[in-house]
Amino acid sequence: MSTTIDARGLSCPQPVLMFMDAVKSLPDKEIIVLVDTDASMENVSRAAENKNCTVTVTRQADEYSLTIVRNG
């Protein structure tokens, strides 16, 4: 099961905070984060990697879909 966080239109640090809240409160192993800026993509990716997660980024037009999988 996965959870999707739609952070499009939000500026940092909101997408990172939304991801961090999901990691703490949700049991899902996979979290998909949708963002629409390079900075948000980079910051959420960095936060996920710091939490020992694997990040796969897919770009579609001017948006990014980050598939984040918890390791362990």
PDB file of N, CA and C in Angstrom:
ATOM      1  N   MET A   1       0.845  -1.177   0.000  1.00  0.00           N
ATOM      2  CA  MET A   1       0.000   0.000   0.000  1.00  0.00           C
ATOM      3  C   MET A   1       0.889   1.238   0.000  1.00  0.00           C
ATOM      4  N   SER A   2       0.436   2.273  -0.658  1.00  0.00           N
ATOM      5  CA  SER A   2       1.211   3.517  -0.706  1.00  0.00           C
ATOM      6  C   SER A   2       0.318   4.700  -0.371  1.00  0.00           C
ATOM      7  N   THR A   3       0.962   5.769   0.024  1.00  0.00           N
ATOM      8  CA  THR A   3       0.292   7.024   0.329  1.00  0.00           C
ATOM      9  C   THR A   3       0.785   8.074  -0.645  1.00  0.00           C
ATOM     10  N   THR A   4      -0.097   8.915  -1.159  1.00  0.00           N
ATOM     11  CA  THR A   4       0.294  10.000  -2.057  1.00  0.00           C
ATOM     12  C   THR A   4       0.106  11.332  -1.351  1.00  0.00           C
ATOM     13  N   ILE A   5       1.155  12.150  -1.417  1.00  0.00           N
ATOM     14  CA  ILE A   5       1.125  13.497  -0.862  1.00  0.00           C
ATOM     15  C   ILE A   5       1.204  14.466  -2.030  1.00  0.00           C
ATOM     16  N   ASP A   6       0.192  15.282  -2.189  1.00  0.00           N
ATOM     17  CA  ASP A   6       0.178  16.275  -3.270  1.00  0.00           C
ATOM     18  C   ASP A   6       0.661  17.603  -2.705  1.00  0.00           C
ATOM     19  N   ALA A   7       1.930  17.920  -2.961  1.00  0.00           N
ATOM     20  CA  ALA A   7       2.530  19.157  -2.460  1.00  0.00           C
ATOM     21  C   ALA A   7       2.755  20.155  -3.595  1.00  0.00           C
ATOM     22  N   ARG A   8       2.075  19.936  -4.714  1.00  0.00           N
ATOM     23  CA  ARG A   8       2.210  20.869  -5.836  1.00  0.00           C
ATOM     24  C   ARG A   8       1.637  22.219  -5.435  1.00  0.00           C
ATOM     25  N   GLY A   9       2.336  23.279  -5.818  1.00  0.00           N
ATOM     26  CA  GLY A   9       1.889  24.623  -5.506  1.00  0.00           C
ATOM     27  C   GLY A   9       2.353  25.118  -4.146  1.00  0.00           C
ATOM     28  N   LEU A  10       2.999  24.265  -3.395  1.00  0.00           N
ATOM     29  CA  LEU A  10       3.493  24.649  -2.072  1.00  0.00           C
ATOM     30  C   LEU A  10       4.993  24.910  -2.145  1.00  0.00           C
ATOM     31  N   SER A  11       5.435  25.890  -1.386  1.00  0.00           N
ATOM     32  CA  SER A  11       6.862  26.189  -1.376  1.00  0.00           C
ATOM     33  C   SER A  11       7.507  25.557  -0.146  1.00  0.00           C
ATOM     34  N   CYS A  12       8.809  25.358  -0.235  1.00  0.00           N
ATOM     35  CA  CYS A  12       9.549  24.772   0.877  1.00  0.00           C
ATOM     36  C   CYS A  12       9.503  25.723   2.054  1.00  0.00           C
ATOM     37  N   PRO A  13       9.405  25.169   3.220  1.00  0.00           N
ATOM     38  CA  PRO A  13       9.644  23.774   3.609  1.00  0.00           C
ATOM     39  C   PRO A  13       8.383  22.910   3.683  1.00  0.00           C
ATOM     40  N   GLN A  14       7.239  23.398   3.226  1.00  0.00           N
ATOM     41  CA  GLN A  14       5.992  22.649   3.374  1.00  0.00           C
ATOM     42  C   GLN A  14       6.043  21.227   2.807  1.00  0.00           C
ATOM     43  N   PRO A  15       6.537  20.995   1.576  1.00  0.00           N
ATOM     44  CA  PRO A  15       6.583  19.617   1.071  1.00  0.00           C
ATOM     45  C   PRO A  15       7.438  18.702   1.949  1.00  0.00           C
ATOM     46  N   VAL A  16       8.554  19.220   2.456  1.00  0.00           N
ATOM     47  CA  VAL A  16       9.420  18.416   3.328  1.00  0.00           C
ATOM     48  C   VAL A  16       8.689  18.094   4.623  1.00  0.00           C
ATOM     49  N   LEU A  17       8.025  19.074   5.214  1.00  0.00           N
ATOM     50  CA  LEU A  17       7.297  18.842   6.461  1.00  0.00           C
ATOM     51  C   LEU A  17       6.165  17.839   6.274  1.00  0.00           C
ATOM     52  N   MET A  18       5.483  17.909   5.137  1.00  0.00           N
ATOM     53  CA  MET A  18       4.410  16.957   4.855  1.00  0.00           C
ATOM     54  C   MET A  18       4.971  15.540   4.746  1.00  0.00           C
ATOM     55  N   PHE A  19       6.116  15.405   4.084  1.00  0.00           N
ATOM     56  CA  PHE A  19       6.759  14.098   3.977  1.00  0.00           C
ATOM     57  C   PHE A  19       7.177  13.587   5.356  1.00  0.00           C
ATOM     58  N   MET A  20       7.801  14.450   6.153  1.00  0.00           N
ATOM     59  CA  MET A  20       8.269  14.036   7.475  1.00  0.00           C
ATOM     60  C   MET A  20       7.101  13.607   8.366  1.00  0.00           C
ATOM     61  N   ASP A  21       5.977  14.299   8.285  1.00  0.00           N
ATOM     62  CA  ASP A  21       4.787  13.909   9.048  1.00  0.00           C
ATOM     63  C   ASP A  21       4.292  12.535   8.606  1.00  0.00           C
ATOM     64  N   ALA A  22       4.309  12.289   7.297  1.00  0.00           N
ATOM     65  CA  ALA A  22       3.849  11.000   6.776  1.00  0.00           C
ATOM     66  C   ALA A  22       4.756   9.870   7.242  1.00  0.00           C
ATOM     67  N   VAL A  23       6.049  10.092   7.246  1.00  0.00           N
ATOM     68  CA  VAL A  23       6.995   9.058   7.682  1.00  0.00           C
ATOM     69  C   VAL A  23       6.736   8.695   9.146  1.00  0.00           C
ATOM     70  N   LYS A  24       6.432   9.693   9.965  1.00  0.00           N
ATOM     71  CA  LYS A  24       6.207   9.459  11.393  1.00  0.00           C
ATOM     72  C   LYS A  24       4.875   8.770  11.673  1.00  0.00           C
ATOM     73  N   SER A  25       3.842   9.132  10.909  1.00  0.00           N
ATOM     74  CA  SER A  25       2.491   8.719  11.298  1.00  0.00           C
ATOM     75  C   SER A  25       1.877   7.604  10.465  1.00  0.00           C
ATOM     76  N   LEU A  26       2.426   7.321   9.299  1.00  0.00           N
ATOM     77  CA  LEU A  26       1.806   6.325   8.426  1.00  0.00           C
ATOM     78  C   LEU A  26       2.606   5.028   8.388  1.00  0.00           C
ATOM     79  N   PRO A  27       1.915   3.898   8.354  1.00  0.00           N
ATOM     80  CA  PRO A  27       2.611   2.617   8.316  1.00  0.00           C
ATOM     81  C   PRO A  27       3.074   2.207   6.904  1.00  0.00           C
ATOM     82  N   ASP A  28       2.631   2.940   5.882  1.00  0.00           N
ATOM     83  CA  ASP A  28       2.941   2.540   4.509  1.00  0.00           C
ATOM     84  C   ASP A  28       4.437   2.549   4.259  1.00  0.00           C
ATOM     85  N   LYS A  29       4.887   1.551   3.513  1.00  0.00           N
ATOM     86  CA  LYS A  29       6.300   1.445   3.175  1.00  0.00           C
ATOM     87  C   LYS A  29       6.654   2.365   2.011  1.00  0.00           C
ATOM     88  N   GLU A  30       5.672   2.695   1.176  1.00  0.00           N
ATOM     89  CA  GLU A  30       5.907   3.541   0.008  1.00  0.00           C
ATOM     90  C   GLU A  30       5.085   4.825   0.115  1.00  0.00           C
ATOM     91  N   ILE A  31       5.770   5.949  -0.119  1.00  0.00           N
ATOM     92  CA  ILE A  31       5.126   7.257  -0.103  1.00  0.00           C
ATOM     93  C   ILE A  31       5.441   7.940  -1.430  1.00  0.00           C
ATOM     94  N   ILE A  32       4.414   8.445  -2.103  1.00  0.00           N
ATOM     95  CA  ILE A  32       4.602   9.172  -3.357  1.00  0.00           C
ATOM     96  C   ILE A  32       4.359  10.646  -3.061  1.00  0.00           C
ATOM     97  N   VAL A  33       5.341  11.477  -3.402  1.00  0.00           N
ATOM     98  CA  VAL A  33       5.222  12.914  -3.165  1.00  0.00           C
ATOM     99  C   VAL A  33       5.221  13.617  -4.521  1.00  0.00           C
ATOM    100  N   LEU A  34       4.206  14.434  -4.769  1.00  0.00           N
ATOM    101  CA  LEU A  34       4.098  15.204  -6.003  1.00  0.00           C
ATOM    102  C   LEU A  34       4.506  16.640  -5.712  1.00  0.00           C
ATOM    103  N   VAL A  35       5.489  17.145  -6.455  1.00  0.00           N
ATOM    104  CA  VAL A  35       5.953  18.530  -6.294  1.00  0.00           C
ATOM    105  C   VAL A  35       6.110  19.161  -7.668  1.00  0.00           C
ATOM    106  N   ASP A  36       6.226  20.495  -7.687  1.00  0.00           N
ATOM    107  CA  ASP A  36       6.318  21.169  -8.988  1.00  0.00           C
ATOM    108  C   ASP A  36       7.478  22.157  -9.083  1.00  0.00           C
ATOM    109  N   THR A  37       8.454  22.043  -8.180  1.00  0.00           N
ATOM    110  CA  THR A  37       9.646  22.881  -8.299  1.00  0.00           C
ATOM    111  C   THR A  37      10.892  22.036  -8.099  1.00  0.00           C
ATOM    112  N   ASP A  38      11.984  22.486  -8.703  1.00  0.00           N
ATOM    113  CA  ASP A  38      13.256  21.787  -8.543  1.00  0.00           C
ATOM    114  C   ASP A  38      13.684  21.783  -7.080  1.00  0.00           C
ATOM    115  N   ALA A  39      13.517  22.921  -6.398  1.00  0.00           N
ATOM    116  CA  ALA A  39      13.941  23.023  -5.000  1.00  0.00           C
ATOM    117  C   ALA A  39      13.180  22.028  -4.122  1.00  0.00           C
ATOM    118  N   SER A  40      11.877  21.922  -4.311  1.00  0.00           N
ATOM    119  CA  SER A  40      11.082  20.980  -3.522  1.00  0.00           C
ATOM    120  C   SER A  40      11.503  19.545  -3.806  1.00  0.00           C
ATOM    121  N   MET A  41      11.747  19.235  -5.065  1.00  0.00           N
ATOM    122  CA  MET A  41      12.188  17.886  -5.432  1.00  0.00           C
ATOM    123  C   MET A  41      13.502  17.555  -4.736  1.00  0.00           C
ATOM    124  N   GLU A  42      14.446  18.481  -4.782  1.00  0.00           N
ATOM    125  CA  GLU A  42      15.756  18.248  -4.169  1.00  0.00           C
ATOM    126  C   GLU A  42      15.655  18.146  -2.650  1.00  0.00           C
ATOM    127  N   ASN A  43      14.869  19.013  -2.035  1.00  0.00           N
ATOM    128  CA  ASN A  43      14.764  19.015  -0.578  1.00  0.00           C
ATOM    129  C   ASN A  43      14.040  17.788  -0.037  1.00  0.00           C
ATOM    130  N   VAL A  44      12.961  17.371  -0.701  1.00  0.00           N
ATOM    131  CA  VAL A  44      12.247  16.169  -0.258  1.00  0.00           C
ATOM    132  C   VAL A  44      13.129  14.946  -0.481  1.00  0.00           C
ATOM    133  N   SER A  45      13.832  14.896  -1.603  1.00  0.00           N
ATOM    134  CA  SER A  45      14.736  13.770  -1.864  1.00  0.00           C
ATOM    135  C   SER A  45      15.804  13.671  -0.786  1.00  0.00           C
ATOM    136  N   ARG A  46      16.398  14.793  -0.443  1.00  0.00           N
ATOM    137  CA  ARG A  46      17.449  14.818   0.586  1.00  0.00           C
ATOM    138  C   ARG A  46      16.893  14.376   1.943  1.00  0.00           C
ATOM    139  N   ALA A  47      15.714  14.860   2.290  1.00  0.00           N
ATOM    140  CA  ALA A  47      15.097  14.472   3.564  1.00  0.00           C
ATOM    141  C   ALA A  47      14.823  12.971   3.596  1.00  0.00           C
ATOM    142  N   ALA A  48      14.355  12.431   2.485  1.00  0.00           N
ATOM    143  CA  ALA A  48      14.060  10.999   2.413  1.00  0.00           C
ATOM    144  C   ALA A  48      15.341  10.172   2.534  1.00  0.00           C
ATOM    145  N   GLU A  49      16.384  10.594   1.843  1.00  0.00           N
ATOM    146  CA  GLU A  49      17.649   9.865   1.918  1.00  0.00           C
ATOM    147  C   GLU A  49      18.220   9.924   3.333  1.00  0.00           C
ATOM    148  N   ASN A  50      18.028  11.039   4.033  1.00  0.00           N
ATOM    149  CA  ASN A  50      18.490  11.153   5.417  1.00  0.00           C
ATOM    150  C   ASN A  50      17.710  10.235   6.355  1.00  0.00           C
ATOM    151  N   LYS A  51      16.510   9.829   5.947  1.00  0.00           N
ATOM    152  CA  LYS A  51      15.694   8.888   6.707  1.00  0.00           C
ATOM    153  C   LYS A  51      15.917   7.450   6.239  1.00  0.00           C
ATOM    154  N   ASN A  52      16.994   7.233   5.483  1.00  0.00           N
ATOM    155  CA  ASN A  52      17.358   5.904   4.974  1.00  0.00           C
ATOM    156  C   ASN A  52      16.293   5.330   4.041  1.00  0.00           C
ATOM    157  N   CYS A  53      15.764   6.175   3.167  1.00  0.00           N
ATOM    158  CA  CYS A  53      14.777   5.758   2.171  1.00  0.00           C
ATOM    159  C   CYS A  53      15.415   5.782   0.783  1.00  0.00           C
ATOM    160  N   THR A  54      14.854   5.003  -0.111  1.00  0.00           N
ATOM    161  CA  THR A  54      15.258   5.007  -1.511  1.00  0.00           C
ATOM    162  C   THR A  54      14.293   5.907  -2.273  1.00  0.00           C
ATOM    163  N   VAL A  55      14.845   6.795  -3.106  1.00  0.00           N
ATOM    164  CA  VAL A  55      14.023   7.770  -3.835  1.00  0.00           C
ATOM    165  C   VAL A  55      14.174   7.542  -5.335  1.00  0.00           C
ATOM    166  N   THR A  56      13.042   7.459  -6.029  1.00  0.00           N
ATOM    167  CA  THR A  56      13.013   7.397  -7.487  1.00  0.00           C
ATOM    168  C   THR A  56      12.212   8.606  -7.968  1.00  0.00           C
ATOM    169  N   VAL A  57      12.834   9.418  -8.823  1.00  0.00           N
ATOM    170  CA  VAL A  57      12.192  10.637  -9.300  1.00  0.00           C
ATOM    171  C   VAL A  57      11.768  10.460 -10.745  1.00  0.00           C
ATOM    172  N   THR A  58      10.517  10.795 -11.031  1.00  0.00           N
ATOM    173  CA  THR A  58       9.993  10.786 -12.394  1.00  0.00           C
ATOM    174  C   THR A  58       9.507  12.195 -12.698  1.00  0.00           C
ATOM    175  N   ARG A  59       9.977  12.731 -13.831  1.00  0.00           N
ATOM    176  CA  ARG A  59       9.548  14.075 -14.215  1.00  0.00           C
ATOM    177  C   ARG A  59       8.505  13.968 -15.318  1.00  0.00           C
ATOM    178  N   GLN A  60       7.411  14.702 -15.138  1.00  0.00           N
ATOM    179  CA  GLN A  60       6.350  14.750 -16.137  1.00  0.00           C
ATOM    180  C   GLN A  60       6.016  16.211 -16.367  1.00  0.00           C
ATOM    181  N   ALA A  61       6.386  16.732 -17.512  1.00  0.00           N
ATOM    182  CA  ALA A  61       6.193  18.155 -17.834  1.00  0.00           C
ATOM    183  C   ALA A  61       6.908  18.994 -16.782  1.00  0.00           C
ATOM    184  N   ASP A  62       6.180  19.833 -16.049  1.00  0.00           N
ATOM    185  CA  ASP A  62       6.787  20.694 -15.034  1.00  0.00           C
ATOM    186  C   ASP A  62       6.566  20.176 -13.621  1.00  0.00           C
ATOM    187  N   GLU A  63       6.318  18.886 -13.492  1.00  0.00           N
ATOM    188  CA  GLU A  63       6.056  18.304 -12.185  1.00  0.00           C
ATOM    189  C   GLU A  63       6.949  17.096 -11.955  1.00  0.00           C
ATOM    190  N   TYR A  64       7.157  16.794 -10.685  1.00  0.00           N
ATOM    191  CA  TYR A  64       7.943  15.634 -10.303  1.00  0.00           C
ATOM    192  C   TYR A  64       7.092  14.710  -9.450  1.00  0.00           C
ATOM    193  N   SER A  65       7.294  13.420  -9.652  1.00  0.00           N
ATOM    194  CA  SER A  65       6.696  12.412  -8.796  1.00  0.00           C
ATOM    195  C   SER A  65       7.849  11.681  -8.128  1.00  0.00           C
ATOM    196  N   LEU A  66       7.924  11.767  -6.813  1.00  0.00           N
ATOM    197  CA  LEU A  66       8.977  11.107  -6.053  1.00  0.00           C
ATOM    198  C   LEU A  66       8.390   9.878  -5.408  1.00  0.00           C
ATOM    199  N   THR A  67       8.878   8.721  -5.770  1.00  0.00           N
ATOM    200  CA  THR A  67       8.460   7.485  -5.140  1.00  0.00           C
ATOM    201  C   THR A  67       9.508   7.158  -4.090  1.00  0.00           C
ATOM    202  N   ILE A  68       9.081   7.172  -2.837  1.00  0.00           N
ATOM    203  CA  ILE A  68       9.981   7.026  -1.710  1.00  0.00           C
ATOM    204  C   ILE A  68       9.632   5.716  -1.006  1.00  0.00           C
ATOM    205  N   VAL A  69      10.637   4.845  -0.890  1.00  0.00           N
ATOM    206  CA  VAL A  69      10.445   3.538  -0.253  1.00  0.00           C
ATOM    207  C   VAL A  69      11.302   3.483   0.997  1.00  0.00           C
ATOM    208  N   ARG A  70      10.654   3.150   2.091  1.00  0.00           N
ATOM    209  CA  ARG A  70      11.382   3.007   3.358  1.00  0.00           C
ATOM    210  C   ARG A  70      12.200   1.721   3.325  1.00  0.00           C
ATOM    211  N   ASN A  71      13.425   1.813   3.745  1.00  0.00           N
ATOM    212  CA  ASN A  71      14.291   0.635   3.840  1.00  0.00           C
ATOM    213  C   ASN A  71      14.227   0.114   5.263  1.00  0.00           C
ATOM    214  N   GLY A  72      13.997  -1.184   5.359  1.00  0.00           N
ATOM    215  CA  GLY A  72      13.996  -1.792   6.684  1.00  0.00           C
ATOM    216  C   GLY A  72      12.661  -1.840   7.341  1.00  0.00           C
TER     217      GLY A  72
END
